[in-house]
Protein backbone atom coordinates (compact mmCIF):
# COMPACT_ATOMS: atom_id res chain seq x y z
CA UNK A 1 46.83 -98.53 -15.28
CA UNK A 2 44.18 -97.77 -17.89
CA UNK A 3 42.43 -94.41 -17.46
CA UNK A 4 38.79 -94.56 -16.30
CA UNK A 5 36.19 -94.59 -19.07
CA UNK A 6 33.21 -92.26 -19.21
CA UNK A 7 30.96 -94.65 -17.27
CA UNK A 8 33.52 -94.89 -14.47
CA UNK A 9 33.88 -91.12 -14.32
CA UNK A 10 30.12 -90.82 -13.91
CA UNK A 11 30.19 -93.19 -10.94
CA UNK A 12 33.07 -91.25 -9.39
CA UNK A 13 31.25 -87.96 -9.92
CA UNK A 14 28.20 -89.48 -8.26
CA UNK A 15 30.32 -90.66 -5.33
CA UNK A 16 31.65 -87.13 -4.83
CA UNK A 17 28.41 -85.22 -5.38
CA UNK A 18 25.82 -87.28 -3.49
CA UNK A 19 27.31 -86.64 -0.02
CA UNK A 20 27.33 -82.90 -0.71
CA UNK A 21 23.67 -82.90 -1.72
CA UNK A 22 22.61 -85.08 1.20
CA UNK A 23 24.65 -83.03 3.68
CA UNK A 24 23.11 -79.81 2.37
CA UNK A 25 19.58 -81.15 2.73
CA UNK A 26 20.35 -82.54 6.19
CA UNK A 27 21.74 -79.14 7.23
CA UNK A 28 18.58 -77.39 6.10
CA UNK A 29 16.42 -79.78 8.11
CA UNK A 30 18.46 -79.86 11.29
CA UNK A 31 21.87 -79.92 12.88
CA UNK A 32 24.04 -82.92 13.74
CA UNK A 33 23.65 -84.72 17.02
CA UNK A 34 27.06 -85.42 18.56
CA UNK A 35 27.73 -88.79 20.23
CA UNK A 36 29.21 -88.62 23.73
CA UNK A 37 32.54 -90.19 22.68
CA UNK A 38 33.38 -87.40 20.26
CA UNK A 39 31.91 -84.78 22.60
CA UNK A 40 34.43 -85.82 25.25
CA UNK A 41 37.17 -85.81 22.64
CA UNK A 42 36.30 -82.29 21.52
CA UNK A 43 36.70 -81.16 25.13
CA UNK A 44 40.26 -82.51 24.92
CA UNK A 45 40.72 -80.58 21.67
CA UNK A 46 39.52 -77.39 23.35
CA UNK A 47 41.87 -77.98 26.29
CA UNK A 48 44.79 -78.52 23.93
CA UNK A 49 43.98 -75.41 21.88
CA UNK A 50 43.87 -73.45 25.15
CA UNK A 51 47.43 -74.53 25.98
CA UNK A 52 46.75 -77.75 27.88
CA UNK A 53 48.57 -81.08 27.39
CA UNK A 54 47.89 -83.23 24.36
CA UNK A 55 44.95 -85.68 24.45
CA UNK A 56 43.87 -84.58 27.92
CA UNK A 57 40.76 -82.98 29.36
CA UNK A 58 41.50 -80.35 32.00
CA UNK A 59 39.14 -80.71 34.96
CA UNK A 60 39.05 -79.42 38.53
CA UNK A 61 41.01 -81.72 40.83
CA UNK A 62 38.97 -83.98 43.14
CA UNK A 63 41.37 -83.00 45.93
CA UNK A 64 41.08 -79.25 45.37
CA UNK A 65 38.47 -77.59 43.17
CA UNK A 66 40.62 -74.49 42.84
CA UNK A 67 43.19 -76.19 40.61
CA UNK A 68 42.94 -78.21 37.39
CA UNK A 69 44.43 -81.61 36.59
CA UNK A 70 44.81 -83.21 33.12
CA UNK A 71 42.89 -86.44 32.49
CA UNK A 72 44.38 -88.58 29.69
CA UNK A 73 41.82 -89.96 27.22
CA UNK A 74 42.66 -93.61 26.55
CA UNK A 75 39.17 -95.02 25.99
CA UNK A 76 38.90 -93.46 22.51
CA UNK A 77 41.52 -92.65 19.89
CA UNK A 78 42.53 -89.03 19.20
CA UNK A 79 41.48 -89.14 15.55
CA UNK A 80 37.80 -89.03 16.51
CA UNK A 81 38.21 -85.41 17.64
CA UNK A 82 41.31 -84.27 15.73
CA UNK A 83 39.55 -84.59 12.36
CA UNK A 84 36.61 -82.28 13.20
CA UNK A 85 39.04 -80.16 15.24
CA UNK A 86 40.91 -79.29 12.05
CA UNK A 87 37.73 -77.75 10.66
CA UNK A 88 37.06 -75.95 13.94
CA UNK A 89 40.52 -74.40 13.66
CA UNK A 90 39.43 -72.92 10.31
CA UNK A 91 36.87 -70.82 12.16
CA UNK A 92 33.75 -72.86 11.41
CA UNK A 93 31.03 -73.14 14.07
CA UNK A 94 30.86 -76.55 15.73
CA UNK A 95 27.83 -77.86 13.82
CA UNK A 96 29.18 -76.67 10.46
CA UNK A 97 32.62 -78.13 11.25
CA UNK A 98 31.08 -81.55 11.88
CA UNK A 99 29.15 -81.54 8.59
CA UNK A 100 32.14 -80.25 6.60
CA UNK A 101 34.47 -82.86 8.09
CA UNK A 102 31.99 -85.64 7.24
CA UNK A 103 31.66 -84.47 3.62
CA UNK A 104 35.41 -84.16 3.09
CA UNK A 105 35.94 -87.56 4.73
CA UNK A 106 33.49 -89.10 2.25
CA UNK A 107 35.43 -87.55 -0.65
CA UNK A 108 38.73 -88.85 0.68
CA UNK A 109 37.20 -92.28 1.17
CA UNK A 110 35.73 -92.47 -2.33
CA UNK A 111 38.96 -91.49 -4.07
CA UNK A 112 41.03 -93.75 -1.81
CA UNK A 113 38.77 -96.73 -2.39
CA UNK A 114 38.82 -96.26 -6.15
CA UNK A 115 42.62 -96.03 -6.29
CA UNK A 116 43.03 -98.94 -3.90
CA UNK A 117 40.80 -101.24 -5.95
CA UNK A 118 42.61 -100.24 -9.13
CA UNK A 119 45.87 -101.19 -7.41
CA UNK A 120 44.31 -104.61 -6.74
CA UNK A 121 43.71 -105.16 -10.46
CA UNK A 122 39.99 -104.35 -10.28
CA UNK A 123 38.72 -102.72 -13.46
CA UNK A 124 37.82 -99.03 -13.40
CA UNK A 125 34.07 -99.48 -13.72
CA UNK A 126 33.52 -101.82 -10.73
CA UNK A 127 36.03 -99.80 -8.68
CA UNK A 128 34.06 -96.62 -9.34
CA UNK A 129 30.77 -98.43 -8.71
CA UNK A 130 32.03 -99.65 -5.33
CA UNK A 131 33.11 -96.10 -4.45
CA UNK A 132 29.65 -94.77 -5.35
CA UNK A 133 27.79 -97.44 -3.37
CA UNK A 134 30.02 -96.87 -0.35
CA UNK A 135 29.55 -93.10 -0.63
CA UNK A 136 25.79 -93.62 -0.32
CA UNK A 137 26.07 -96.11 2.53
CA UNK A 138 24.23 -95.39 5.75
CA UNK A 139 27.48 -95.36 7.75
CA UNK A 140 28.71 -92.36 5.75
CA UNK A 141 25.42 -90.49 5.97
CA UNK A 142 25.13 -91.34 9.67
CA UNK A 143 27.56 -88.56 10.58
CA UNK A 144 25.36 -85.97 8.88
CA UNK A 145 22.77 -86.59 11.59
CA UNK A 146 24.53 -88.37 14.46
CA UNK A 147 28.20 -87.47 14.26
CA UNK A 148 30.72 -90.06 15.38
CA UNK A 149 34.26 -88.85 14.88
CA UNK A 150 35.88 -92.28 14.99
CA UNK A 151 33.67 -93.67 12.23
CA UNK A 152 34.15 -90.57 10.09
CA UNK A 153 37.94 -90.56 10.41
CA UNK A 154 38.15 -94.33 9.87
CA UNK A 155 36.08 -94.03 6.70
CA UNK A 156 38.56 -91.51 5.32
CA UNK A 157 41.86 -93.15 6.19
CA UNK A 158 41.39 -96.94 5.91
CA UNK A 159 41.27 -97.12 2.06
CA UNK A 160 44.50 -95.11 1.94
CA UNK A 161 46.14 -97.39 4.50
CA UNK A 162 45.17 -100.36 2.34
CA UNK A 163 46.47 -98.58 -0.77
CA UNK A 164 49.83 -97.92 0.89
CA UNK A 165 50.07 -101.55 2.01
CA UNK A 166 49.27 -102.69 -1.53
CA UNK A 167 52.22 -100.66 -2.84
CA UNK A 168 54.52 -102.41 -0.33
CA UNK A 169 54.09 -105.79 -2.01
CA UNK A 170 57.52 -107.13 -2.87
CA UNK A 171 59.27 -104.17 -1.18
CA UNK A 172 60.31 -105.86 2.02
CA UNK A 173 63.06 -103.36 2.79
CA UNK A 174 60.43 -100.70 3.49
CA UNK A 175 58.30 -102.75 5.86
CA UNK A 176 59.95 -101.78 9.13
CA UNK A 177 59.62 -98.11 8.27
CA UNK A 178 56.19 -98.01 6.66
CA UNK A 179 54.11 -100.68 8.41
CA UNK A 180 54.40 -99.31 11.98
CA UNK A 181 53.44 -95.85 10.71
CA UNK A 182 50.40 -97.24 8.85
CA UNK A 183 49.25 -99.32 11.82
CA UNK A 184 49.69 -96.34 14.12
CA UNK A 185 47.63 -94.21 11.71
CA UNK A 186 44.83 -96.80 11.79
CA UNK A 187 44.82 -96.93 15.60
CA UNK A 188 44.99 -93.13 15.76
CA UNK A 189 41.55 -92.82 14.17
CA UNK A 190 39.90 -95.78 15.92
CA UNK A 191 41.10 -98.54 18.23
CA UNK A 192 39.42 -101.35 16.28
CA UNK A 193 40.90 -100.05 13.01
CA UNK A 194 44.17 -101.57 14.24
CA UNK A 195 42.56 -104.95 13.50
CA UNK A 196 42.09 -103.91 9.87
CA UNK A 197 45.76 -102.94 9.83
CA UNK A 198 46.76 -106.36 11.16
CA UNK A 199 44.73 -108.04 8.43
CA UNK A 200 46.40 -105.85 5.81
CA UNK A 201 49.85 -106.83 7.13
CA UNK A 202 48.96 -110.54 6.99
CA UNK A 203 47.68 -110.10 3.43
CA UNK A 204 50.85 -108.22 2.50
CA UNK A 205 53.00 -111.11 3.68
CA UNK A 206 50.83 -113.57 1.74
CA UNK A 207 50.94 -111.52 -1.47
CA UNK A 208 54.68 -110.90 -1.23
CA UNK A 209 55.45 -114.60 -0.83
CA UNK A 210 52.74 -116.00 -3.11
CA UNK A 211 55.01 -116.28 -6.14
CA UNK A 212 58.34 -115.87 -4.39
CA UNK A 213 61.18 -118.14 -5.47
CA UNK A 214 63.12 -117.63 -2.27
CA UNK A 215 61.61 -120.60 -0.50
CA UNK A 216 60.75 -120.90 3.16
CA UNK A 217 63.73 -118.79 4.27
CA UNK A 218 62.41 -115.73 2.43
CA UNK A 219 58.98 -116.31 3.89
CA UNK A 220 60.39 -116.66 7.39
CA UNK A 221 62.44 -113.47 7.09
CA UNK A 222 59.51 -111.47 5.76
CA UNK A 223 57.27 -112.90 8.49
CA UNK A 224 59.81 -111.82 11.10
CA UNK A 225 59.92 -108.32 9.62
CA UNK A 226 56.12 -108.10 9.58
CA UNK A 227 55.92 -109.35 13.16
CA UNK A 228 58.54 -106.85 14.30
CA UNK A 229 56.66 -104.05 12.55
CA UNK A 230 53.46 -105.06 14.37
CA UNK A 231 55.28 -105.10 17.72
CA UNK A 232 56.72 -101.64 17.06
CA UNK A 233 53.28 -100.35 16.15
CA UNK A 234 51.75 -101.93 19.25
CA UNK A 235 54.38 -100.26 21.43
CA UNK A 236 53.74 -96.89 19.77
CA UNK A 237 49.98 -97.24 20.24
CA UNK A 238 50.45 -98.10 23.89
CA UNK A 239 52.89 -95.25 24.51
CA UNK A 240 51.28 -92.48 22.45
CA UNK A 241 47.56 -93.28 22.27
CA UNK A 242 46.54 -95.51 25.17
CA UNK A 243 49.12 -94.54 27.79
CA UNK A 244 48.43 -96.09 31.19
CA UNK A 245 44.67 -95.67 30.92
CA UNK A 246 41.89 -98.20 30.41
CA UNK A 247 40.43 -99.17 27.05
CA UNK A 248 37.24 -100.99 26.01
CA UNK A 249 39.30 -104.15 25.41
CA UNK A 250 39.66 -104.91 29.14
CA UNK A 251 38.45 -108.31 30.31
CA UNK A 252 35.34 -109.00 32.33
CA UNK A 253 33.50 -105.74 31.66
CA UNK A 254 30.56 -107.20 29.73
CA UNK A 255 29.18 -110.72 29.42
CA UNK A 256 28.15 -111.51 25.84
CA UNK A 257 28.03 -115.30 26.03
CA UNK A 258 30.15 -117.66 23.98
CA UNK A 259 27.61 -118.34 21.24
CA UNK A 260 27.01 -114.67 20.46
CA UNK A 261 30.70 -113.83 20.85
CA UNK A 262 31.62 -116.37 18.17
CA UNK A 263 28.64 -115.86 15.85
CA UNK A 264 28.35 -112.08 15.69
CA UNK A 265 31.83 -111.45 14.16
CA UNK A 266 30.87 -113.78 11.31
CA UNK A 267 27.57 -112.02 10.62
CA UNK A 268 28.72 -108.42 11.20
CA UNK A 269 30.80 -107.80 8.01
CA UNK A 270 27.82 -108.66 5.80
CA UNK A 271 25.58 -106.60 8.07
CA UNK A 272 27.98 -103.66 7.83
CA UNK A 273 28.08 -103.92 4.04
CA UNK A 274 24.31 -103.92 3.55
CA UNK A 275 22.94 -101.83 6.42
CA UNK A 276 21.04 -104.77 7.93
CA UNK A 277 22.54 -103.98 11.32
CA UNK A 278 21.01 -100.51 11.20
CA UNK A 279 17.59 -101.97 10.39
CA UNK A 280 17.88 -104.43 13.28
CA UNK A 281 18.95 -101.58 15.55
CA UNK A 282 15.81 -99.63 14.61
CA UNK A 283 13.69 -102.66 15.49
CA UNK A 284 15.48 -102.88 18.84
CA UNK A 285 14.66 -99.22 19.48
CA UNK A 286 10.97 -99.79 18.71
CA UNK A 287 10.87 -102.79 21.06
CA UNK A 288 12.92 -100.96 23.71
CA UNK A 289 15.66 -103.59 23.41
CA UNK A 290 18.54 -101.18 22.83
CA UNK A 291 20.45 -102.45 25.88
CA UNK A 292 20.28 -106.20 25.19
CA UNK A 293 18.73 -106.68 21.76
CA UNK A 294 21.46 -108.87 20.32
CA UNK A 295 21.45 -111.06 23.43
CA UNK A 296 17.70 -111.57 23.05
CA UNK A 297 18.05 -112.80 19.47
CA UNK A 298 21.34 -114.67 19.96
CA UNK A 299 19.89 -118.00 18.70
CA UNK A 300 18.83 -116.31 15.46
CA UNK A 301 22.30 -114.79 15.03
CA UNK A 302 23.82 -118.25 15.42
CA UNK A 303 21.27 -119.67 12.97
CA UNK A 304 22.23 -117.30 10.14
CA UNK A 305 25.97 -118.01 10.45
CA UNK A 306 25.85 -120.86 7.87
CA UNK A 307 24.03 -118.58 5.42
CA UNK A 308 26.66 -115.87 5.88
CA UNK A 309 29.47 -118.38 5.41
CA UNK A 310 27.81 -119.61 2.22
CA UNK A 311 27.52 -116.03 0.96
CA UNK A 312 31.19 -115.37 1.72
CA UNK A 313 32.20 -118.60 -0.02
CA UNK A 314 30.24 -117.60 -3.13
CA UNK A 315 31.87 -114.16 -3.16
CA UNK A 316 35.35 -115.66 -2.75
CA UNK A 317 34.71 -118.08 -5.59
CA UNK A 318 33.43 -115.53 -8.11
CA UNK A 319 35.49 -112.42 -7.29
CA UNK A 320 37.55 -111.77 -10.45
CA UNK A 321 40.43 -110.05 -8.62
CA UNK A 322 42.81 -112.48 -6.96
CA UNK A 323 44.41 -109.89 -4.63
CA UNK A 324 40.99 -108.59 -3.55
CA UNK A 325 39.75 -112.13 -2.99
CA UNK A 326 42.73 -112.97 -0.77
CA UNK A 327 42.49 -109.69 1.14
CA UNK A 328 38.81 -110.27 1.81
CA UNK A 329 39.57 -113.79 3.04
CA UNK A 330 42.31 -112.58 5.40
CA UNK A 331 40.20 -109.64 6.57
CA UNK A 332 37.27 -111.91 7.44
CA UNK A 333 39.50 -114.36 9.29
CA UNK A 334 41.37 -111.72 11.29
CA UNK A 335 38.23 -109.76 12.19
CA UNK A 336 36.34 -112.90 13.19
CA UNK A 337 39.21 -114.11 15.38
CA UNK A 338 40.06 -110.75 16.96
CA UNK A 339 36.52 -109.58 17.72
CA UNK A 340 35.41 -113.03 18.87
CA UNK A 341 38.34 -112.98 21.31
CA UNK A 342 37.38 -109.52 22.59
CA UNK A 343 33.70 -110.42 22.95
CA UNK A 344 34.47 -113.75 24.62
CA UNK A 345 36.78 -112.18 27.21
CA UNK A 346 34.06 -109.68 28.14
CA UNK A 347 35.53 -106.56 26.55
CA UNK A 348 33.32 -103.48 26.52
CA UNK A 349 33.30 -103.41 22.71
CA UNK A 350 29.73 -102.93 21.57
CA UNK A 351 27.89 -105.40 19.37
CA UNK A 352 27.69 -102.95 16.47
CA UNK A 353 28.69 -103.59 12.88
CA UNK A 354 30.40 -100.17 12.65
CA UNK A 355 33.47 -101.89 14.10
CA UNK A 356 33.50 -104.12 11.00
CA UNK A 357 33.23 -101.37 8.38
CA UNK A 358 36.63 -102.10 6.72
CA UNK A 359 35.53 -105.70 6.16
CA UNK A 360 32.12 -104.53 4.95
CA UNK A 361 33.80 -102.16 2.50
CA UNK A 362 35.67 -105.08 0.94
CA UNK A 363 32.44 -107.07 0.65
CA UNK A 364 30.87 -104.21 -1.34
CA UNK A 365 34.00 -103.98 -3.49
CA UNK A 366 33.99 -107.71 -4.25
CA UNK A 367 30.28 -107.76 -5.10
CA UNK A 368 30.74 -104.74 -7.38
CA UNK A 369 33.60 -106.50 -9.15
CA UNK A 370 31.49 -109.62 -9.63
CA UNK A 371 28.48 -107.66 -10.89
CA UNK A 372 30.58 -105.89 -13.54
CA UNK A 373 32.71 -108.88 -14.52
CA UNK A 374 32.50 -110.64 -17.85
CA UNK A 375 32.15 -114.06 -16.23
CA UNK A 376 29.32 -116.33 -17.29
CA UNK A 377 26.80 -115.40 -14.58
CA UNK A 378 23.10 -115.94 -15.11
CA UNK A 379 21.03 -112.84 -15.73
CA UNK A 380 19.03 -113.47 -12.56
CA UNK A 381 22.23 -113.52 -10.50
CA UNK A 382 23.41 -110.25 -11.99
CA UNK A 383 20.01 -108.74 -11.28
CA UNK A 384 20.21 -109.86 -7.64
CA UNK A 385 23.68 -108.36 -7.26
CA UNK A 386 22.58 -105.09 -8.84
CA UNK A 387 19.51 -105.05 -6.61
CA UNK A 388 21.65 -105.64 -3.51
CA UNK A 389 24.01 -102.78 -4.40
CA UNK A 390 21.15 -100.43 -5.26
CA UNK A 391 19.31 -101.44 -2.11
CA UNK A 392 22.36 -100.70 0.01
CA UNK A 393 22.62 -97.20 -1.44
CA UNK A 394 18.87 -96.63 -1.27
CA UNK A 395 18.76 -97.61 2.38
CA UNK A 396 21.57 -95.17 3.14
CA UNK A 397 19.54 -92.36 1.58
CA UNK A 398 16.31 -93.44 3.28
CA UNK A 399 17.95 -93.76 6.69
CA UNK A 400 19.42 -90.27 6.43
CA UNK A 401 16.07 -88.85 5.31
CA UNK A 402 14.38 -90.39 8.35
CA UNK A 403 17.14 -89.13 10.63
CA UNK A 404 16.97 -85.59 9.23
CA UNK A 405 13.19 -85.60 9.63
CA UNK A 406 13.55 -86.66 13.27
CA UNK A 407 16.05 -83.89 13.96
CA UNK A 408 13.77 -81.37 12.26
CA UNK A 409 10.80 -82.44 14.39
CA UNK A 410 12.93 -82.36 17.53
CA UNK A 411 13.87 -78.72 16.79
CA UNK A 412 16.48 -78.45 19.53
CA UNK A 413 19.35 -76.61 17.92
CA UNK A 414 21.70 -75.07 20.46
CA UNK A 415 23.83 -71.91 20.12
CA UNK A 416 26.80 -74.18 19.28
CA UNK A 417 24.95 -75.37 16.17
CA UNK A 418 24.26 -78.85 17.56
CA UNK A 419 21.09 -80.78 18.13
CA UNK A 420 20.84 -81.24 21.90
CA UNK A 421 18.02 -83.79 22.47
CA UNK A 422 18.04 -83.28 26.25
CA UNK A 423 18.54 -79.52 26.19
CA UNK A 424 15.76 -77.24 24.93
CA UNK A 425 16.80 -74.04 23.11
CA UNK A 426 15.68 -72.00 26.14
CA UNK A 427 17.74 -74.17 28.50
CA UNK A 428 20.77 -73.95 26.19
CA UNK A 429 20.43 -70.16 26.13
CA UNK A 430 20.18 -70.11 29.93
CA UNK A 431 23.32 -72.22 30.20
CA UNK A 432 25.14 -69.82 27.87
CA UNK A 433 23.92 -66.85 29.93
CA UNK A 434 25.11 -68.29 33.24
CA UNK A 435 28.40 -69.29 31.68
CA UNK A 436 29.03 -65.79 30.31
CA UNK A 437 27.89 -64.13 33.55
CA UNK A 438 29.93 -66.12 36.06
CA UNK A 439 32.49 -68.04 34.02
CA UNK A 440 35.13 -65.29 34.15
CA UNK A 441 34.81 -65.23 37.97
CA UNK A 442 35.78 -68.83 38.66
CA UNK A 443 32.54 -70.71 38.06
CA UNK A 444 32.67 -74.50 37.76
CA UNK A 445 29.93 -76.22 35.77
CA UNK A 446 29.21 -79.91 36.38
CA UNK A 447 27.50 -81.41 33.31
CA UNK A 448 25.60 -84.68 33.39
CA UNK A 449 26.36 -85.06 29.67
CA UNK A 450 29.55 -84.18 27.75
CA UNK A 451 27.35 -82.74 25.00
CA UNK A 452 26.13 -80.09 27.45
CA UNK A 453 29.73 -79.10 28.13
CA UNK A 454 30.26 -78.06 24.51
CA UNK A 455 27.87 -75.16 25.09
CA UNK A 456 30.21 -73.73 27.76
CA UNK A 457 32.87 -71.21 26.73
CA UNK A 458 34.09 -69.43 29.88
CA UNK A 459 33.64 -71.66 32.94
CA UNK A 460 35.75 -74.54 34.16
CA UNK A 461 34.14 -77.89 33.50
CA UNK A 462 33.46 -81.24 35.07
CA UNK A 463 32.05 -83.14 32.09
CA UNK A 464 30.56 -86.55 32.89
CA UNK A 465 28.03 -89.05 31.61
CA UNK A 466 26.29 -88.99 34.98
CA UNK A 467 22.89 -88.70 33.33
CA UNK A 468 22.92 -92.42 32.54
CA UNK A 469 24.55 -93.58 35.78
CA UNK A 470 22.96 -95.21 38.87
CA UNK A 471 23.23 -93.84 42.40
CA UNK A 472 26.16 -96.15 43.15
CA UNK A 473 28.29 -94.32 40.56
CA UNK A 474 28.28 -91.15 42.68
CA UNK A 475 29.11 -92.71 46.05
CA UNK A 476 32.93 -92.93 45.70
CA UNK A 477 33.26 -89.58 43.92
CA UNK A 478 34.13 -86.46 45.89
CA UNK A 479 35.41 -83.04 44.89
CA UNK A 480 36.97 -81.22 47.83
CA UNK A 481 37.22 -77.48 48.31
CA UNK A 482 35.09 -74.60 47.10
CA UNK A 483 34.78 -72.53 43.96
CA UNK A 484 33.22 -69.05 43.88
CA UNK A 485 30.31 -70.45 41.89
CA UNK A 486 29.20 -74.03 41.28
CA UNK A 487 26.51 -74.95 38.75
CA UNK A 488 25.18 -78.46 38.20
CA UNK A 489 23.39 -79.07 34.88
CA UNK A 490 21.22 -82.15 35.37
CA UNK A 491 18.12 -83.81 33.89
CA UNK A 492 14.94 -82.29 35.30
CA UNK A 493 13.73 -85.77 36.20
CA UNK A 494 16.28 -85.82 38.99
CA UNK A 495 14.18 -83.42 41.08
CA UNK A 496 12.61 -86.41 42.85
CA UNK A 497 15.43 -88.87 42.25
CA UNK A 498 17.96 -90.19 44.80
CA UNK A 499 20.71 -89.19 42.38
CA UNK A 500 20.07 -85.52 43.17
CA UNK A 501 21.16 -85.96 46.78
CA UNK A 502 23.99 -88.20 45.64
CA UNK A 503 25.45 -85.62 43.25
CA UNK A 504 25.17 -82.86 45.87
CA UNK A 505 27.05 -85.11 48.29
CA UNK A 506 29.91 -85.22 45.77
CA UNK A 507 30.67 -81.62 46.79
CA UNK A 508 30.85 -81.84 50.62
CA UNK A 509 32.09 -78.26 51.07
CA UNK A 510 28.67 -76.93 50.05
CA UNK A 511 25.96 -77.10 52.71
CA UNK A 512 22.46 -78.28 51.73
CA UNK A 513 21.05 -74.83 52.45
CA UNK A 514 23.34 -73.28 49.82
CA UNK A 515 21.78 -75.10 46.89
CA UNK A 516 19.11 -73.42 44.79
CA UNK A 517 17.36 -74.95 41.83
CA UNK A 518 15.82 -73.76 38.59
CA UNK A 519 13.98 -76.05 36.16
CA UNK A 520 13.83 -75.00 32.53
CA UNK A 521 12.25 -77.49 30.17
CA UNK A 522 13.90 -80.84 30.76
CA UNK A 523 16.96 -79.36 32.47
CA UNK A 524 17.61 -78.77 36.16
CA UNK A 525 20.07 -76.01 37.07
CA UNK A 526 21.37 -76.49 40.61
CA UNK A 527 23.64 -73.70 41.85
CA UNK A 528 25.64 -72.99 44.99
CA UNK A 529 28.38 -70.67 46.19
CA UNK A 530 28.81 -66.94 46.56
CA UNK A 531 26.09 -64.68 45.18
CA UNK A 532 23.77 -67.61 44.59
CA UNK A 533 20.22 -66.30 44.29
CA UNK A 534 17.95 -67.42 47.14
């Protein structure tokens, strides 16, 4: 492997320095906003650090509030909270730990992507260019403002999984040992990253048998080894990550429609590579279509499928690296088939291009390789490719600037160092005060948002996403028994909402006369139990 030239080193330096600068500016303007998935995961991390079982959230038992029971987290992979948890264990405050983990993940991703592309015979300059463009992508900067642990951990590990798979070409004897571990690592950080691992295994088999002289028998044996490795990995994922719990891949949870289910997986990799999906999402937010935006424009999604296929065909044709071209082809096919299957069966996997980031990363890599190649491309084509790469990076910077400005204007930084959009600083301070005052004496706090629960340090917790649930969600839920103190942290809008009576009914041991309420900003504190103020 030829050492990188000065131009390549400049691109690598840019890939490593830009996230630091952007993260520093974002930190000065505001603090990260934590998505509910990772917030729930961090509660499991806190439970584990306190001596609880692995990958479980300790909550009061529905049968007896005086004792705790572990609840296994199967809906999300452990990597989405383990990665920021490592930085929390270093003593960093929560907000700082999130930013630091996102920056380090971007470094790991940039170096891994560069080395991986070099292993695929891509020259140093386009490999470094791809790393720089990816480092400035909106998906990387997203975690500086709205932290998603699964996306951050996936960004860090997937290039290294691909690099390890690339080094297994022609080394069949290592497949049964290495491939299950690599697939398990992918699933550990994000469930859908297992699909990227499957594509990498299929590509590995293709590459290993492309110029093999062993004939069909060698191909059959290597296919059997690859299949056995996948089965071992699937068993390990089921036993160690999913357990007996539900996952978003269950059938019949959401109805996407056949046309959208088949079309979106074709469009999404290109959307993930360019940031178009983020732009469309912003339009949905303006039009208040966040719940069903893609379903509303399903005919348009179907209409652009031929254009996307034509773009992919052009990239496949002109990509100068044969291994990268074949990997991109396999990745597109596997992602399209797997996600179309999940969407068609009604799985609760969102229509978001973040699930297609590994495929989008390869699109950026292939375009970078084409733009820097010595092939006889017209100047106008090279200009368009350079403009597309620059536009992708520019949009990442612009999106983060807009996000940081929004967080700054919101000005709702909590004591934990997080932006809490639904919790004013005064309400967060009140929650901390009540937690410190009564937590050591057996208080239980019911939170309508898992983000609220991260502000609690002393009390036992019932962390839910009740804030977005209808009345029917509360009807089957009951927590029996009494605790010395019970505090419900709810949206203030529930004061005249049927959900207020429904959530109180979830605790039948407390009489209606025991409840007292305090409204602070947009937060309703509802308390009951001994020593409750009148």
